[in-house]
Protein backbone atom coordinates (compact mmCIF):
# COMPACT_ATOMS: atom_id res chain seq x y z
CA MET A 1 11.26 52.77 18.78
CA ASP A 2 12.62 51.77 22.19
CA LYS A 3 13.61 55.34 22.84
CA ALA A 4 10.11 56.48 21.96
CA ARG A 5 8.58 54.01 24.42
CA LEU A 6 10.91 55.22 27.21
CA MET A 7 10.07 58.73 26.41
CA ALA A 8 6.40 57.94 26.75
CA ILE A 9 6.99 56.28 30.18
CA HIS A 10 9.15 59.02 31.71
CA PHE A 11 7.46 61.98 29.92
CA PRO A 12 3.68 61.12 29.64
CA GLU A 13 2.96 64.64 28.36
CA ALA A 14 4.72 63.50 25.12
CA SER A 15 1.64 61.34 24.38
CA TRP A 16 -0.25 64.51 23.65
CA VAL A 17 1.65 64.54 20.35
CA SER A 18 -0.27 61.49 19.34
CA GLY A 19 -3.65 63.27 19.00
CA MET A 20 -5.70 61.44 16.38
CA LEU A 21 -7.59 63.26 13.61
CA PRO A 22 -11.12 62.18 12.63
CA SER A 23 -9.78 60.85 9.37
CA LYS A 24 -7.76 58.41 11.41
CA HIS A 25 -4.39 59.66 10.17
CA TYR A 26 -1.95 59.68 13.04
CA VAL A 27 0.33 62.68 13.59
CA GLY A 28 3.95 61.85 14.45
CA SER A 29 3.25 60.05 17.63
CA VAL A 30 5.03 58.31 20.40
CA CYS A 31 2.11 55.89 20.73
CA LEU A 32 -1.13 55.59 18.75
CA GLN A 33 -4.34 56.87 20.43
CA LYS A 34 -7.65 55.25 19.58
CA SER A 35 -10.71 57.37 19.24
CA ILE A 36 -13.94 56.18 20.73
CA PHE A 37 -15.98 59.15 19.28
CA ASP A 38 -16.70 57.01 16.22
CA ASN A 39 -17.77 53.94 18.19
CA PRO A 40 -21.52 53.30 17.47
CA HIS A 41 -22.06 52.38 21.16
CA SER A 42 -20.51 55.60 22.55
CA ARG A 43 -22.43 58.21 24.36
CA VAL A 44 -21.37 61.74 23.15
CA SER A 45 -22.04 64.84 25.09
CA ALA A 46 -24.31 67.64 23.85
CA THR A 47 -21.24 69.82 23.09
CA ASN A 48 -19.47 66.97 21.26
CA ALA A 49 -16.50 67.60 23.46
CA THR A 50 -16.64 64.43 25.62
CA VAL A 51 -17.59 60.80 24.93
CA LEU A 52 -18.31 57.89 27.25
CA LEU A 53 -18.25 54.15 26.32
CA LEU A 54 -19.65 51.20 28.28
CA THR A 55 -19.06 47.54 27.44
CA VAL A 56 -21.85 45.91 25.62
CA ARG A 57 -22.39 43.42 28.33
CA PRO A 58 -22.85 44.82 31.85
CA HIS A 59 -20.63 43.57 34.60
CA HIS A 60 -23.60 42.76 36.79
CA PRO A 61 -26.75 42.19 34.67
CA ASN A 62 -30.32 42.21 35.80
CA LEU A 63 -29.93 43.11 39.46
CA LEU A 64 -33.13 43.78 41.43
CA LEU A 65 -33.22 47.28 42.80
CA HIS A 66 -32.90 46.12 46.43
CA ASP A 67 -29.99 43.80 45.53
CA ALA A 68 -28.29 46.57 43.61
CA MET A 69 -28.62 48.92 46.56
CA ILE A 70 -26.91 46.29 48.80
CA TYR A 71 -24.22 45.49 46.35
CA LEU A 72 -23.36 49.19 45.62
CA GLN A 73 -23.88 50.08 49.34
CA LEU A 74 -25.95 53.07 48.43
CA ASP A 75 -28.84 53.44 50.92
CA ASP A 76 -30.40 56.25 48.87
CA LEU A 77 -30.19 54.61 45.44
CA ILE A 78 -33.94 54.11 45.12
CA PRO A 79 -34.87 57.62 46.34
CA ALA A 80 -32.24 59.01 43.91
CA LEU A 81 -33.84 57.10 41.07
CA GLY A 82 -37.19 58.42 42.17
CA ASP A 83 -35.87 61.90 41.92
CA PHE A 84 -34.58 61.20 38.43
CA ILE A 85 -37.87 59.89 37.30
CA SER A 86 -39.65 62.94 38.71
CA SER A 87 -37.21 65.31 36.96
CA GLN A 88 -35.76 66.68 40.24
CA THR A 89 -32.38 68.39 39.48
CA TYR A 90 -29.22 68.83 41.51
CA ILE A 91 -30.15 72.43 42.11
CA THR A 92 -33.76 71.76 43.27
CA CYS A 93 -32.70 68.86 45.44
CA SER A 94 -29.65 70.70 46.92
CA SER A 95 -27.84 67.36 46.82
CA HIS A 96 -30.61 65.72 48.99
CA CYS A 97 -33.21 63.29 47.82
CA PHE A 98 -36.90 64.46 47.79
CA SER A 99 -38.15 60.95 47.09
CA THR A 100 -38.54 58.44 49.87
CA SER A 101 -37.14 54.94 50.07
CA ASP A 102 -40.63 53.46 49.51
CA CYS A 103 -41.11 55.22 46.13
CA SER A 104 -41.91 53.01 43.20
CA PRO A 105 -39.77 53.66 40.02
CA PRO A 106 -41.28 52.19 36.80
CA PHE A 107 -38.73 49.32 36.80
CA GLN A 108 -37.57 46.74 39.24
CA ALA A 109 -34.15 45.77 37.94
CA VAL A 110 -30.97 47.40 36.58
CA ASN A 111 -27.83 46.57 34.80
CA VAL A 112 -24.69 47.61 36.54
CA TRP A 113 -21.17 48.42 35.30
CA GLY A 114 -17.99 48.88 37.25
CA LYS A 115 -16.21 51.25 34.89
CA PHE A 116 -16.53 53.19 31.61
CA GLN A 117 -14.11 54.75 29.14
CA ILE A 118 -14.01 58.51 28.76
CA GLN A 119 -12.26 60.71 26.16
CA HIS A 120 -12.18 64.40 25.32
CA ARG A 121 -11.45 66.57 22.40
CA SER A 122 -8.42 68.75 22.83
CA THR A 123 -9.20 72.19 24.00
CA GLN A 124 -6.45 73.54 21.67
CA ASP A 125 -7.60 71.73 18.59
CA VAL A 126 -11.09 70.18 18.45
CA GLN A 127 -9.93 68.03 15.58
CA ALA A 128 -7.59 66.10 17.92
CA VAL A 129 -8.63 63.76 20.80
CA THR A 130 -6.88 63.20 24.09
CA PRO A 131 -5.91 59.67 25.31
CA THR A 132 -8.71 57.51 26.46
CA GLN A 133 -9.07 57.15 30.25
CA MET A 134 -10.95 54.71 32.42
CA ALA A 135 -13.37 55.91 35.16
CA GLN A 136 -14.11 53.21 37.79
CA ALA A 137 -17.02 52.83 40.19
CA VAL A 138 -16.16 49.80 42.31
CA PRO A 139 -18.19 49.53 45.59
CA PRO A 140 -16.49 48.77 48.91
CA SER A 141 -15.70 45.21 49.62
CA GLU A 142 -13.40 43.03 51.87
CA ARG A 143 -10.59 43.52 49.31
CA LEU A 144 -11.26 47.21 48.79
CA PRO A 145 -12.73 48.57 52.10
CA PHE A 146 -13.25 52.04 50.56
CA GLY A 147 -14.05 50.87 47.14
CA CYS A 148 -12.56 52.59 44.02
CA ALA A 149 -14.65 55.55 42.90
CA ASN A 150 -12.86 57.78 40.45
CA THR A 151 -13.69 61.52 40.13
CA VAL A 152 -14.47 63.69 37.13
CA LEU A 153 -14.88 67.41 36.60
CA VAL A 154 -18.44 68.49 35.71
CA SER A 155 -19.23 71.97 34.45
CA HIS A 156 -21.96 73.52 36.62
CA GLU A 157 -23.01 77.07 37.43
CA SER A 158 -22.70 76.32 41.20
CA GLY A 159 -19.04 75.30 40.80
CA GLU A 160 -15.82 77.29 41.08
CA LEU A 161 -13.56 78.80 38.44
CA ILE A 162 -10.21 77.03 38.04
CA SER A 163 -8.89 79.42 35.41
CA ALA A 164 -9.05 83.18 34.89
CA ASP A 165 -9.81 82.73 31.17
CA PRO A 166 -12.97 84.65 30.28
CA GLN A 167 -14.19 81.59 28.45
CA SER A 168 -13.56 79.33 31.38
CA LYS A 169 -16.52 77.37 32.92
CA ARG A 170 -17.29 76.70 36.62
CA TYR A 171 -16.68 73.14 37.82
CA LEU A 172 -17.74 70.70 40.43
CA VAL A 173 -15.98 67.48 41.30
CA ALA A 174 -18.11 64.46 40.85
CA GLN A 175 -17.23 61.08 42.40
CA VAL A 176 -18.67 58.23 40.31
CA GLN A 177 -20.17 55.77 42.68
CA ALA A 178 -22.45 53.70 40.33
CA ILE A 179 -23.09 53.17 36.72
CA LEU A 180 -26.49 51.54 35.91
CA GLN A 181 -29.25 51.19 33.37
CA PRO A 182 -32.90 50.61 34.23
CA ILE A 183 -34.46 47.50 32.72
CA CYS A 184 -38.01 48.10 31.47
CA ASN A 185 -40.12 48.69 28.31
CA LEU A 186 -39.07 52.28 28.23
CA MET A 187 -35.65 52.92 26.77
CA PHE A 188 -33.58 54.52 29.54
CA PRO A 189 -30.09 55.68 28.90
CA PRO A 190 -27.32 54.60 31.30
CA LEU A 191 -27.29 56.54 34.54
CA ILE A 192 -24.40 57.61 36.66
CA TYR A 193 -24.83 58.02 40.43
CA VAL A 194 -22.33 60.61 41.69
CA LYS A 195 -21.48 62.37 44.88
CA PHE A 196 -20.74 66.08 44.33
CA PHE A 197 -17.77 68.01 45.87
CA ASN A 198 -16.89 71.68 45.50
CA PHE A 199 -13.42 73.16 45.53
CA SER A 200 -12.44 74.58 48.89
CA ASN A 201 -12.21 78.46 49.08
CA LEU A 202 -9.36 78.17 51.64
CA HIS A 203 -6.88 78.60 48.80
CA TYR A 204 -7.38 80.90 45.81
CA HIS A 205 -5.83 83.69 43.60
CA VAL A 206 -7.46 86.82 42.44
CA ILE A 207 -6.46 87.52 38.78
CA ASP A 208 -7.91 90.56 37.08
CA ASN A 209 -10.61 90.71 39.77
CA ILE A 210 -11.58 87.09 39.17
CA HIS A 211 -11.58 84.66 42.04
CA VAL A 212 -9.79 81.48 41.04
CA VAL A 213 -9.31 78.43 43.26
CA ALA A 214 -5.76 77.25 43.73
CA PRO A 215 -3.95 74.17 45.04
CA ALA A 216 -3.16 74.02 48.76
CA LEU A 217 0.37 75.14 49.68
CA LYS A 218 3.02 72.40 50.32
CA ILE A 219 0.96 69.57 48.91
CA GLU A 220 0.11 71.22 45.66
CA MET A 221 -3.30 69.61 45.40
CA PHE A 222 -6.83 70.99 45.40
CA LEU A 223 -8.87 70.67 48.53
CA VAL A 224 -12.54 69.78 48.10
CA GLN A 225 -15.54 69.68 50.33
CA GLN A 226 -18.75 67.62 49.91
CA CYS A 227 -21.74 69.58 48.69
CA PHE A 228 -24.68 69.54 51.18
């Protein structure tokens, strides 16, 4: 058992062996992975490939919109909510808010979370799930001057290909800056405020006439640029 734990620490890829089947039978694993797909409070994507889970109690309950804007340090929070209410999409807005700061959303307060759990189904076997990860959206503070806003990949037609696979989707990088839920008579789902980035075209490969972004030389990391 000790050897298995050491293997999990030094070879994290070994944890993939511990994919969990829907019937909750574990396959010869280094460590057991818990599925949140079956949690009644989870939010499952339309493709049933990704699931998000928030705590039942928000980290900052019942914040007035103005107070939430100050706490999250997001000057365009109210305009962004106005765009959401008026069904303005990322494409139509071109990553800029159409609504003004004096717009009036049909609610005056929100619940705010600082993180959520996220889990995916394995691309090799949809019956197996990957280890649960935590995405944080901690605003800047004295202790964390730049905050702690994790990034996630979002499939979108305006993104870039990161694989030459014919079935591959295009992706944008989304930095999660706020997780909130409006408080009103209408039942709003939790909303995620993100800042979008695209993969830089400075580094790429051409595979079978397909343009695929690649990591930068020397640092072996992808370069991104904010979408404007």
